[in-house]
C-alpha cells in the first residue's frame, strides 16, 4: 500500500479564499488562532467530518503541522480532494506575521 501524499501550503502561499480548519485543542485555540478559522479539534474529526467543506480550498492547521497532516491524510482517504496541510502550522503562521486573535483580551500567542 502506498502512502498518501499530503498536499501542503505555507502561511504565505495560502490560496485566496481558502477556509482554515484549526484542529488544535481548546486551550491552544483560545490562546491564539487565525481570524475566521473554524475550530474542529482533531479527535472530533471522525464525528464532525461533515462540517469540513468539500468544495473550495480547505487548509488544516495545528501547532506545527503534524496533527493537521494526520487529519488531511484521514480526509483524503475518506473522499475529500480539496484539503491541504498548513506547513509549519500556527508557529509558521505567526512567524510569517499573519494575523492572530485570542478568545479573550490577552495577546494572541501560539502555545
PDB file of N, CA and C in Angstrom:
ATOM      1  N   UNK A   1       0.842  -1.176   0.000  1.00  0.00           N
ATOM      2  CA  UNK A   1       0.000   0.000   0.000  1.00  0.00           C
ATOM      3  C   UNK A   1       0.888   1.240   0.000  1.00  0.00           C
ATOM      4  N   UNK A   2       0.612   2.184  -0.874  1.00  0.00           N
ATOM      5  CA  UNK A   2       1.430   3.394  -0.942  1.00  0.00           C
ATOM      6  C   UNK A   2       0.882   4.451   0.005  1.00  0.00           C
ATOM      7  N   UNK A   3       1.788   5.275   0.502  1.00  0.00           N
ATOM      8  CA  UNK A   3       1.393   6.355   1.402  1.00  0.00           C
ATOM      9  C   UNK A   3       0.701   7.456   0.616  1.00  0.00           C
ATOM     10  N   UNK A   4      -0.227   8.100   1.273  1.00  0.00           N
ATOM     11  CA  UNK A   4      -0.928   9.226   0.646  1.00  0.00           C
ATOM     12  C   UNK A   4      -0.017  10.438   0.705  1.00  0.00           C
ATOM     13  N   UNK A   5       0.142  11.121  -0.435  1.00  0.00           N
ATOM     14  CA  UNK A   5       0.928  12.347  -0.452  1.00  0.00           C
ATOM     15  C   UNK A   5       0.075  13.467   0.124  1.00  0.00           C
ATOM     16  N   UNK A   6       0.617  14.187   1.092  1.00  0.00           N
ATOM     17  CA  UNK A   6      -0.106  15.252   1.774  1.00  0.00           C
ATOM     18  C   UNK A   6       0.148  16.577   1.056  1.00  0.00           C
ATOM     19  N   UNK A   7      -0.880  17.157   0.431  1.00  0.00           N
ATOM     20  CA  UNK A   7      -0.691  18.469  -0.188  1.00  0.00           C
ATOM     21  C   UNK A   7      -0.489  19.534   0.899  1.00  0.00           C
ATOM     22  N   UNK A   8       0.488  20.408   0.689  1.00  0.00           N
ATOM     23  CA  UNK A   8       0.781  21.431   1.690  1.00  0.00           C
ATOM     24  C   UNK A   8       0.796  22.819   1.073  1.00  0.00           C
ATOM     25  N   UNK A   9       0.529  23.793   1.919  1.00  0.00           N
ATOM     26  CA  UNK A   9       0.701  25.205   1.590  1.00  0.00           C
ATOM     27  C   UNK A   9       1.391  25.832   2.794  1.00  0.00           C
ATOM     28  N   UNK A  10       1.902  27.034   2.617  1.00  0.00           N
ATOM     29  CA  UNK A  10       2.500  27.766   3.728  1.00  0.00           C
ATOM     30  C   UNK A  10       1.624  28.969   4.048  1.00  0.00           C
ATOM     31  N   UNK A  11       1.949  29.634   5.139  1.00  0.00           N
ATOM     32  CA  UNK A  11       1.186  30.818   5.531  1.00  0.00           C
ATOM     33  C   UNK A  11       1.253  31.903   4.458  1.00  0.00           C
ATOM     34  N   UNK A  12       2.305  31.890   3.651  1.00  0.00           N
ATOM     35  CA  UNK A  12       2.440  32.917   2.616  1.00  0.00           C
ATOM     36  C   UNK A  12       1.970  32.447   1.241  1.00  0.00           C
ATOM     37  N   UNK A  13       1.649  31.155   1.103  1.00  0.00           N
ATOM     38  CA  UNK A  13       1.153  30.652  -0.183  1.00  0.00           C
ATOM     39  C   UNK A  13      -0.275  30.125  -0.066  1.00  0.00           C
ATOM     40  N   UNK A  14      -0.960  30.548   0.983  1.00  0.00           N
ATOM     41  CA  UNK A  14      -2.340  30.142   1.217  1.00  0.00           C
ATOM     42  C   UNK A  14      -3.208  30.581   0.028  1.00  0.00           C
ATOM     43  N   UNK A  15      -3.991  29.661  -0.556  1.00  0.00           N
ATOM     44  CA  UNK A  15      -4.849  30.067  -1.675  1.00  0.00           C
ATOM     45  C   UNK A  15      -5.857  31.133  -1.243  1.00  0.00           C
ATOM     46  N   UNK A  16      -6.092  32.102  -2.098  1.00  0.00           N
ATOM     47  CA  UNK A  16      -7.080  33.143  -1.807  1.00  0.00           C
ATOM     48  C   UNK A  16      -8.439  32.490  -1.560  1.00  0.00           C
ATOM     49  N   UNK A  17      -9.104  32.912  -0.519  1.00  0.00           N
ATOM     50  CA  UNK A  17     -10.428  32.384  -0.213  1.00  0.00           C
ATOM     51  C   UNK A  17     -10.432  31.038   0.486  1.00  0.00           C
ATOM     52  N   UNK A  18      -9.255  30.499   0.816  1.00  0.00           N
ATOM     53  CA  UNK A  18      -9.189  29.192   1.482  1.00  0.00           C
ATOM     54  C   UNK A  18      -9.848  29.283   2.857  1.00  0.00           C
ATOM     55  N   UNK A  19     -10.493  28.198   3.233  1.00  0.00           N
ATOM     56  CA  UNK A  19     -11.095  28.111   4.566  1.00  0.00           C
ATOM     57  C   UNK A  19     -10.128  27.364   5.474  1.00  0.00           C
ATOM     58  N   UNK A  20      -9.871  27.938   6.639  1.00  0.00           N
ATOM     59  CA  UNK A  20      -8.955  27.327   7.600  1.00  0.00           C
ATOM     60  C   UNK A  20      -9.739  26.515   8.625  1.00  0.00           C
ATOM     61  N   UNK A  21      -9.262  25.300   8.873  1.00  0.00           N
ATOM     62  CA  UNK A  21      -9.815  24.434   9.918  1.00  0.00           C
ATOM     63  C   UNK A  21      -8.693  24.203  10.924  1.00  0.00           C
ATOM     64  N   UNK A  22      -8.876  24.677  12.147  1.00  0.00           N
ATOM     65  CA  UNK A  22      -7.877  24.547  13.205  1.00  0.00           C
ATOM     66  C   UNK A  22      -8.232  23.325  14.040  1.00  0.00           C
ATOM     67  N   UNK A  23      -7.321  22.340  14.085  1.00  0.00           N
ATOM     68  CA  UNK A  23      -7.608  21.069  14.756  1.00  0.00           C
ATOM     69  C   UNK A  23      -6.943  20.955  16.126  1.00  0.00           C
ATOM     70  N   UNK A  24      -6.461  22.081  16.662  1.00  0.00           N
ATOM     71  CA  UNK A  24      -5.810  22.046  17.973  1.00  0.00           C
ATOM     72  C   UNK A  24      -6.834  21.910  19.102  1.00  0.00           C
ATOM     73  N   UNK A  25      -6.311  21.674  20.287  1.00  0.00           N
ATOM     74  CA  UNK A  25      -7.150  21.532  21.476  1.00  0.00           C
ATOM     75  C   UNK A  25      -7.734  22.894  21.876  1.00  0.00           C
ATOM     76  N   UNK A  26      -8.826  22.894  22.649  1.00  0.00           N
ATOM     77  CA  UNK A  26      -9.482  24.154  23.016  1.00  0.00           C
ATOM     78  C   UNK A  26      -8.572  25.193  23.667  1.00  0.00           C
ATOM     79  N   UNK A  27      -7.632  24.781  24.526  1.00  0.00           N
ATOM     80  CA  UNK A  27      -6.752  25.765  25.166  1.00  0.00           C
ATOM     81  C   UNK A  27      -5.788  26.393  24.160  1.00  0.00           C
ATOM     82  N   UNK A  28      -5.338  25.616  23.183  1.00  0.00           N
ATOM     83  CA  UNK A  28      -4.461  26.144  22.140  1.00  0.00           C
ATOM     84  C   UNK A  28      -5.222  27.152  21.275  1.00  0.00           C
ATOM     85  N   UNK A  29      -6.456  26.785  20.907  1.00  0.00           N
ATOM     86  CA  UNK A  29      -7.318  27.652  20.102  1.00  0.00           C
ATOM     87  C   UNK A  29      -7.568  28.972  20.832  1.00  0.00           C
ATOM     88  N   UNK A  30      -7.929  28.885  22.119  1.00  0.00           N
ATOM     89  CA  UNK A  30      -8.262  30.085  22.893  1.00  0.00           C
ATOM     90  C   UNK A  30      -7.080  31.041  23.000  1.00  0.00           C
ATOM     91  N   UNK A  31      -5.859  30.503  23.075  1.00  0.00           N
ATOM     92  CA  UNK A  31      -4.658  31.333  23.222  1.00  0.00           C
ATOM     93  C   UNK A  31      -4.361  32.142  21.969  1.00  0.00           C
ATOM     94  N   UNK A  32      -4.691  31.615  20.807  1.00  0.00           N
ATOM     95  CA  UNK A  32      -4.449  32.345  19.572  1.00  0.00           C
ATOM     96  C   UNK A  32      -4.737  31.513  18.344  1.00  0.00           C
ATOM     97  N   UNK A  33      -5.497  32.085  17.414  1.00  0.00           N
ATOM     98  CA  UNK A  33      -5.844  31.399  16.169  1.00  0.00           C
ATOM     99  C   UNK A  33      -6.009  32.422  15.051  1.00  0.00           C
ATOM    100  N   UNK A  34      -6.057  31.911  13.845  1.00  0.00           N
ATOM    101  CA  UNK A  34      -6.236  32.783  12.690  1.00  0.00           C
ATOM    102  C   UNK A  34      -7.664  33.326  12.673  1.00  0.00           C
ATOM    103  N   UNK A  35      -7.828  34.613  12.393  1.00  0.00           N
ATOM    104  CA  UNK A  35      -9.178  35.166  12.294  1.00  0.00           C
ATOM    105  C   UNK A  35      -9.973  34.432  11.216  1.00  0.00           C
ATOM    106  N   UNK A  36     -11.203  34.105  11.515  1.00  0.00           N
ATOM    107  CA  UNK A  36     -12.057  33.444  10.529  1.00  0.00           C
ATOM    108  C   UNK A  36     -11.889  31.944  10.437  1.00  0.00           C
ATOM    109  N   UNK A  37     -10.925  31.387  11.157  1.00  0.00           N
ATOM    110  CA  UNK A  37     -10.733  29.928  11.133  1.00  0.00           C
ATOM    111  C   UNK A  37     -11.889  29.254  11.863  1.00  0.00           C
ATOM    112  N   UNK A  38     -12.158  28.010  11.490  1.00  0.00           N
ATOM    113  CA  UNK A  38     -13.137  27.193  12.205  1.00  0.00           C
ATOM    114  C   UNK A  38     -12.384  26.273  13.155  1.00  0.00           C
ATOM    115  N   UNK A  39     -12.932  26.061  14.330  1.00  0.00           N
ATOM    116  CA  UNK A  39     -12.286  25.185  15.313  1.00  0.00           C
ATOM    117  C   UNK A  39     -12.952  23.825  15.291  1.00  0.00           C
ATOM    118  N   UNK A  40     -12.184  22.815  14.965  1.00  0.00           N
ATOM    119  CA  UNK A  40     -12.670  21.439  14.871  1.00  0.00           C
ATOM    120  C   UNK A  40     -11.567  20.533  15.418  1.00  0.00           C
ATOM    121  N   UNK A  41     -11.536  20.317  16.738  1.00  0.00           N
ATOM    122  CA  UNK A  41     -10.441  19.538  17.328  1.00  0.00           C
ATOM    123  C   UNK A  41     -10.235  18.186  16.651  1.00  0.00           C
ATOM    124  N   UNK A  42      -8.969  17.810  16.531  1.00  0.00           N
ATOM    125  CA  UNK A  42      -8.573  16.603  15.814  1.00  0.00           C
ATOM    126  C   UNK A  42      -9.395  15.373  16.200  1.00  0.00           C
ATOM    127  N   UNK A  43      -9.577  15.147  17.477  1.00  0.00           N
ATOM    128  CA  UNK A  43     -10.266  13.929  17.914  1.00  0.00           C
ATOM    129  C   UNK A  43     -11.756  13.944  17.582  1.00  0.00           C
ATOM    130  N   UNK A  44     -12.287  15.100  17.199  1.00  0.00           N
ATOM    131  CA  UNK A  44     -13.697  15.198  16.831  1.00  0.00           C
ATOM    132  C   UNK A  44     -13.921  15.057  15.324  1.00  0.00           C
ATOM    133  N   UNK A  45     -12.842  15.019  14.547  1.00  0.00           N
ATOM    134  CA  UNK A  45     -12.962  14.964  13.084  1.00  0.00           C
ATOM    135  C   UNK A  45     -13.829  13.794  12.607  1.00  0.00           C
ATOM    136  N   UNK A  46     -13.623  12.568  13.082  1.00  0.00           N
ATOM    137  CA  UNK A  46     -14.457  11.478  12.562  1.00  0.00           C
ATOM    138  C   UNK A  46     -15.962  11.725  12.755  1.00  0.00           C
ATOM    139  N   UNK A  47     -16.341  12.291  13.894  1.00  0.00           N
ATOM    140  CA  UNK A  47     -17.756  12.543  14.163  1.00  0.00           C
ATOM    141  C   UNK A  47     -18.279  13.815  13.502  1.00  0.00           C
ATOM    142  N   UNK A  48     -17.378  14.746  13.193  1.00  0.00           N
ATOM    143  CA  UNK A  48     -17.804  16.036  12.662  1.00  0.00           C
ATOM    144  C   UNK A  48     -17.286  16.301  11.251  1.00  0.00           C
ATOM    145  N   UNK A  49     -16.848  15.261  10.562  1.00  0.00           N
ATOM    146  CA  UNK A  49     -16.258  15.430   9.229  1.00  0.00           C
ATOM    147  C   UNK A  49     -17.207  16.131   8.260  1.00  0.00           C
ATOM    148  N   UNK A  50     -18.502  15.957   8.442  1.00  0.00           N
ATOM    149  CA  UNK A  50     -19.470  16.609   7.548  1.00  0.00           C
ATOM    150  C   UNK A  50     -19.356  18.133   7.602  1.00  0.00           C
ATOM    151  N   UNK A  51     -18.728  18.666   8.645  1.00  0.00           N
ATOM    152  CA  UNK A  51     -18.542  20.108   8.769  1.00  0.00           C
ATOM    153  C   UNK A  51     -17.378  20.617   7.917  1.00  0.00           C
ATOM    154  N   UNK A  52     -16.568  19.715   7.391  1.00  0.00           N
ATOM    155  CA  UNK A  52     -15.444  20.108   6.539  1.00  0.00           C
ATOM    156  C   UNK A  52     -15.977  20.262   5.114  1.00  0.00           C
ATOM    157  N   UNK A  53     -15.862  21.474   4.550  1.00  0.00           N
ATOM    158  CA  UNK A  53     -16.383  21.692   3.197  1.00  0.00           C
ATOM    159  C   UNK A  53     -15.726  20.764   2.178  1.00  0.00           C
ATOM    160  N   UNK A  54     -16.518  20.361   1.204  1.00  0.00           N
ATOM    161  CA  UNK A  54     -15.996  19.522   0.116  1.00  0.00           C
ATOM    162  C   UNK A  54     -15.715  20.334  -1.145  1.00  0.00           C
ATOM    163  N   UNK A  55     -16.015  21.618  -1.096  1.00  0.00           N
ATOM    164  CA  UNK A  55     -15.743  22.482  -2.248  1.00  0.00           C
ATOM    165  C   UNK A  55     -14.817  23.611  -1.808  1.00  0.00           C
ATOM    166  N   UNK A  56     -14.104  24.184  -2.750  1.00  0.00           N
ATOM    167  CA  UNK A  56     -13.155  25.239  -2.432  1.00  0.00           C
ATOM    168  C   UNK A  56     -11.935  24.684  -1.713  1.00  0.00           C
ATOM    169  N   UNK A  57     -10.971  25.544  -1.493  1.00  0.00           N
ATOM    170  CA  UNK A  57      -9.738  25.136  -0.807  1.00  0.00           C
ATOM    171  C   UNK A  57      -9.949  25.133   0.695  1.00  0.00           C
ATOM    172  N   UNK A  58      -9.559  24.032   1.331  1.00  0.00           N
ATOM    173  CA  UNK A  58      -9.612  23.905   2.785  1.00  0.00           C
ATOM    174  C   UNK A  58      -8.189  23.646   3.266  1.00  0.00           C
ATOM    175  N   UNK A  59      -7.741  24.446   4.241  1.00  0.00           N
ATOM    176  CA  UNK A  59      -6.400  24.299   4.795  1.00  0.00           C
ATOM    177  C   UNK A  59      -6.546  23.933   6.265  1.00  0.00           C
ATOM    178  N   UNK A  60      -5.924  22.822   6.656  1.00  0.00           N
ATOM    179  CA  UNK A  60      -5.998  22.314   8.020  1.00  0.00           C
ATOM    180  C   UNK A  60      -4.726  22.727   8.751  1.00  0.00           C
ATOM    181  N   UNK A  61      -4.893  23.218   9.987  1.00  0.00           N
ATOM    182  CA  UNK A  61      -3.765  23.756  10.746  1.00  0.00           C
ATOM    183  C   UNK A  61      -3.776  23.238  12.181  1.00  0.00           C
ATOM    184  N   UNK A  62      -2.567  23.005  12.717  1.00  0.00           N
ATOM    185  CA  UNK A  62      -2.380  22.691  14.139  1.00  0.00           C
ATOM    186  C   UNK A  62      -1.217  23.561  14.612  1.00  0.00           C
ATOM    187  N   UNK A  63      -0.512  23.175  15.669  1.00  0.00           N
ATOM    188  CA  UNK A  63       0.594  23.999  16.163  1.00  0.00           C
ATOM    189  C   UNK A  63       1.787  23.968  15.216  1.00  0.00           C
ATOM    190  N   UNK A  64       2.202  22.772  14.783  1.00  0.00           N
ATOM    191  CA  UNK A  64       3.420  22.682  13.971  1.00  0.00           C
ATOM    192  C   UNK A  64       3.238  22.018  12.613  1.00  0.00           C
ATOM    193  N   UNK A  65       2.095  21.375  12.392  1.00  0.00           N
ATOM    194  CA  UNK A  65       1.833  20.729  11.111  1.00  0.00           C
ATOM    195  C   UNK A  65       1.709  19.224  11.165  1.00  0.00           C
ATOM    196  N   UNK A  66       2.033  18.598  12.308  1.00  0.00           N
ATOM    197  CA  UNK A  66       1.988  17.135  12.394  1.00  0.00           C
ATOM    198  C   UNK A  66       0.560  16.613  12.548  1.00  0.00           C
ATOM    199  N   UNK A  67      -0.188  17.162  13.501  1.00  0.00           N
ATOM    200  CA  UNK A  67      -1.573  16.698  13.700  1.00  0.00           C
ATOM    201  C   UNK A  67      -2.431  17.028  12.487  1.00  0.00           C
ATOM    202  N   UNK A  68      -2.233  18.217  11.937  1.00  0.00           N
ATOM    203  CA  UNK A  68      -3.032  18.596  10.776  1.00  0.00           C
ATOM    204  C   UNK A  68      -2.721  17.711   9.574  1.00  0.00           C
ATOM    205  N   UNK A  69      -1.476  17.259   9.434  1.00  0.00           N
ATOM    206  CA  UNK A  69      -1.138  16.331   8.348  1.00  0.00           C
ATOM    207  C   UNK A  69      -1.900  15.022   8.509  1.00  0.00           C
ATOM    208  N   UNK A  70      -2.043  14.554   9.753  1.00  0.00           N
ATOM    209  CA  UNK A  70      -2.814  13.333  10.002  1.00  0.00           C
ATOM    210  C   UNK A  70      -4.286  13.539   9.626  1.00  0.00           C
ATOM    211  N   UNK A  71      -4.820  14.704   9.951  1.00  0.00           N
ATOM    212  CA  UNK A  71      -6.217  14.995   9.609  1.00  0.00           C
ATOM    213  C   UNK A  71      -6.383  15.073   8.094  1.00  0.00           C
ATOM    214  N   UNK A  72      -5.461  15.732   7.412  1.00  0.00           N
ATOM    215  CA  UNK A  72      -5.531  15.809   5.945  1.00  0.00           C
ATOM    216  C   UNK A  72      -5.480  14.406   5.346  1.00  0.00           C
ATOM    217  N   UNK A  73      -4.591  13.561   5.849  1.00  0.00           N
ATOM    218  CA  UNK A  73      -4.496  12.183   5.368  1.00  0.00           C
ATOM    219  C   UNK A  73      -5.828  11.454   5.554  1.00  0.00           C
ATOM    220  N   UNK A  74      -6.432  11.605   6.728  1.00  0.00           N
ATOM    221  CA  UNK A  74      -7.725  10.977   7.016  1.00  0.00           C
ATOM    222  C   UNK A  74      -8.798  11.469   6.041  1.00  0.00           C
ATOM    223  N   UNK A  75      -8.852  12.792   5.845  1.00  0.00           N
ATOM    224  CA  UNK A  75      -9.874  13.354   4.958  1.00  0.00           C
ATOM    225  C   UNK A  75      -9.660  12.910   3.510  1.00  0.00           C
ATOM    226  N   UNK A  76      -8.415  12.909   3.055  1.00  0.00           N
ATOM    227  CA  UNK A  76      -8.120  12.442   1.691  1.00  0.00           C
ATOM    228  C   UNK A  76      -8.564  10.992   1.509  1.00  0.00           C
ATOM    229  N   UNK A  77      -8.293  10.164   2.512  1.00  0.00           N
ATOM    230  CA  UNK A  77      -8.652   8.743   2.440  1.00  0.00           C
ATOM    231  C   UNK A  77     -10.163   8.539   2.474  1.00  0.00           C
ATOM    232  N   UNK A  78     -10.883   9.566   2.933  1.00  0.00           N
ATOM    233  CA  UNK A  78     -12.340   9.460   3.032  1.00  0.00           C
ATOM    234  C   UNK A  78     -13.079  10.323   2.022  1.00  0.00           C
ATOM    235  N   UNK A  79     -12.402  10.687   0.941  1.00  0.00           N
ATOM    236  CA  UNK A  79     -13.082  11.302  -0.183  1.00  0.00           C
ATOM    237  C   UNK A  79     -12.937  12.792  -0.373  1.00  0.00           C
ATOM    238  N   UNK A  80     -12.255  13.486   0.527  1.00  0.00           N
ATOM    239  CA  UNK A  80     -12.039  14.917   0.319  1.00  0.00           C
ATOM    240  C   UNK A  80     -10.857  15.080  -0.632  1.00  0.00           C
ATOM    241  N   UNK A  81     -11.007  15.902  -1.634  1.00  0.00           N
ATOM    242  CA  UNK A  81      -9.916  16.138  -2.564  1.00  0.00           C
ATOM    243  C   UNK A  81      -9.430  17.576  -2.529  1.00  0.00           C
ATOM    244  N   UNK A  82      -9.951  18.357  -1.604  1.00  0.00           N
ATOM    245  CA  UNK A  82      -9.699  19.797  -1.579  1.00  0.00           C
ATOM    246  C   UNK A  82      -8.969  20.263  -0.326  1.00  0.00           C
ATOM    247  N   UNK A  83      -8.319  19.335   0.392  1.00  0.00           N
ATOM    248  CA  UNK A  83      -7.700  19.683   1.676  1.00  0.00           C
ATOM    249  C   UNK A  83      -6.180  19.764   1.556  1.00  0.00           C
ATOM    250  N   UNK A  84      -5.611  20.698   2.310  1.00  0.00           N
ATOM    251  CA  UNK A  84      -4.165  20.927   2.336  1.00  0.00           C
ATOM    252  C   UNK A  84      -3.725  21.079   3.785  1.00  0.00           C
ATOM    253  N   UNK A  85      -2.480  20.731   4.041  1.00  0.00           N
ATOM    254  CA  UNK A  85      -1.892  20.926   5.359  1.00  0.00           C
ATOM    255  C   UNK A  85      -1.150  22.257   5.363  1.00  0.00           C
ATOM    256  N   UNK A  86      -1.282  23.013   6.471  1.00  0.00           N
ATOM    257  CA  UNK A  86      -0.509  24.246   6.603  1.00  0.00           C
ATOM    258  C   UNK A  86       0.870  23.889   7.129  1.00  0.00           C
ATOM    259  N   UNK A  87       1.858  23.926   6.255  1.00  0.00           N
ATOM    260  CA  UNK A  87       3.227  23.583   6.617  1.00  0.00           C
ATOM    261  C   UNK A  87       3.726  24.540   7.696  1.00  0.00           C
ATOM    262  N   UNK A  88       4.230  23.989   8.787  1.00  0.00           N
ATOM    263  CA  UNK A  88       4.715  24.817   9.885  1.00  0.00           C
ATOM    264  C   UNK A  88       3.636  25.188  10.884  1.00  0.00           C
ATOM    265  N   UNK A  89       2.384  24.895  10.568  1.00  0.00           N
ATOM    266  CA  UNK A  89       1.279  25.135  11.478  1.00  0.00           C
ATOM    267  C   UNK A  89       1.159  26.582  11.924  1.00  0.00           C
ATOM    268  N   UNK A  90       0.582  26.766  13.108  1.00  0.00           N
ATOM    269  CA  UNK A  90       0.399  28.110  13.650  1.00  0.00           C
ATOM    270  C   UNK A  90       1.736  28.743  14.012  1.00  0.00           C
ATOM    271  N   UNK A  91       2.737  27.931  14.291  1.00  0.00           N
ATOM    272  CA  UNK A  91       4.075  28.508  14.531  1.00  0.00           C
ATOM    273  C   UNK A  91       4.558  29.210  13.272  1.00  0.00           C
ATOM    274  N   UNK A  92       4.401  28.540  12.120  1.00  0.00           N
ATOM    275  CA  UNK A  92       4.784  29.147  10.850  1.00  0.00           C
ATOM    276  C   UNK A  92       3.913  30.347  10.509  1.00  0.00           C
ATOM    277  N   UNK A  93       2.631  30.244  10.842  1.00  0.00           N
ATOM    278  CA  UNK A  93       1.686  31.347  10.611  1.00  0.00           C
ATOM    279  C   UNK A  93       2.157  32.596  11.367  1.00  0.00           C
ATOM    280  N   UNK A  94       2.449  32.427  12.663  1.00  0.00           N
ATOM    281  CA  UNK A  94       2.893  33.553  13.479  1.00  0.00           C
ATOM    282  C   UNK A  94       4.235  34.093  12.991  1.00  0.00           C
ATOM    283  N   UNK A  95       5.163  33.199  12.646  1.00  0.00           N
ATOM    284  CA  UNK A  95       6.486  33.619  12.179  1.00  0.00           C
ATOM    285  C   UNK A  95       6.395  34.415  10.880  1.00  0.00           C
ATOM    286  N   UNK A  96       5.373  34.128  10.071  1.00  0.00           N
ATOM    287  CA  UNK A  96       5.181  34.843   8.807  1.00  0.00           C
ATOM    288  C   UNK A  96       4.465  36.180   9.014  1.00  0.00           C
ATOM    289  N   UNK A  97       4.113  36.480  10.276  1.00  0.00           N
ATOM    290  CA  UNK A  97       3.469  37.754  10.568  1.00  0.00           C
ATOM    291  C   UNK A  97       1.989  37.793  10.225  1.00  0.00           C
ATOM    292  N   UNK A  98       1.383  36.627  10.080  1.00  0.00           N
ATOM    293  CA  UNK A  98      -0.048  36.579   9.760  1.00  0.00           C
ATOM    294  C   UNK A  98      -0.853  36.956  11.013  1.00  0.00           C
ATOM    295  N   UNK A  99      -2.054  37.501  10.822  1.00  0.00           N
ATOM    296  CA  UNK A  99      -2.839  37.950  11.980  1.00  0.00           C
ATOM    297  C   UNK A  99      -3.323  36.791  12.848  1.00  0.00           C
ATOM    298  N   UNK A 100      -3.416  37.074  14.144  1.00  0.00           N
ATOM    299  CA  UNK A 100      -3.943  36.101  15.110  1.00  0.00           C
ATOM    300  C   UNK A 100      -4.841  36.831  16.093  1.00  0.00           C
ATOM    301  N   UNK A 101      -5.826  36.106  16.604  1.00  0.00           N
ATOM    302  CA  UNK A 101      -6.710  36.638  17.640  1.00  0.00           C
ATOM    303  C   UNK A 101      -6.797  35.612  18.763  1.00  0.00           C
ATOM    304  N   UNK A 102      -7.100  36.093  19.962  1.00  0.00           N
ATOM    305  CA  UNK A 102      -7.294  35.224  21.118  1.00  0.00           C
ATOM    306  C   UNK A 102      -8.763  35.301  21.527  1.00  0.00           C
ATOM    307  N   UNK A 103      -9.201  34.357  22.340  1.00  0.00           N
ATOM    308  CA  UNK A 103     -10.583  34.338  22.772  1.00  0.00           C
ATOM    309  C   UNK A 103     -10.882  35.319  23.906  1.00  0.00           C
ATOM    310  N   UNK A 104      -9.885  35.989  24.428  1.00  0.00           N
ATOM    311  CA  UNK A 104     -10.115  36.967  25.476  1.00  0.00           C
ATOM    312  C   UNK A 104      -9.239  38.188  25.187  1.00  0.00           C
ATOM    313  N   UNK A 105      -8.981  38.994  26.159  1.00  0.00           N
ATOM    314  CA  UNK A 105      -8.221  40.228  25.947  1.00  0.00           C
ATOM    315  C   UNK A 105      -6.709  40.040  25.931  1.00  0.00           C
ATOM    316  N   UNK A 106      -6.237  38.802  26.076  1.00  0.00           N
ATOM    317  CA  UNK A 106      -4.803  38.543  26.055  1.00  0.00           C
ATOM    318  C   UNK A 106      -4.217  38.793  24.660  1.00  0.00           C
ATOM    319  N   UNK A 107      -2.903  38.960  24.640  1.00  0.00           N
ATOM    320  CA  UNK A 107      -2.179  38.994  23.370  1.00  0.00           C
ATOM    321  C   UNK A 107      -2.231  37.583  22.778  1.00  0.00           C
ATOM    322  N   UNK A 108      -2.629  37.452  21.522  1.00  0.00           N
ATOM    323  CA  UNK A 108      -2.685  36.136  20.882  1.00  0.00           C
ATOM    324  C   UNK A 108      -1.300  35.527  20.808  1.00  0.00           C
ATOM    325  N   UNK A 109      -1.221  34.242  21.090  1.00  0.00           N
ATOM    326  CA  UNK A 109       0.048  33.535  21.032  1.00  0.00           C
ATOM    327  C   UNK A 109      -0.199  32.080  20.653  1.00  0.00           C
ATOM    328  N   UNK A 110       0.855  31.418  20.186  1.00  0.00           N
ATOM    329  CA  UNK A 110       0.790  30.003  19.859  1.00  0.00           C
ATOM    330  C   UNK A 110       1.346  29.238  21.054  1.00  0.00           C
ATOM    331  N   UNK A 111       0.523  28.343  21.609  1.00  0.00           N
ATOM    332  CA  UNK A 111       1.004  27.526  22.732  1.00  0.00           C
ATOM    333  C   UNK A 111       0.999  26.066  22.326  1.00  0.00           C
TER     334      UNK A 111
END
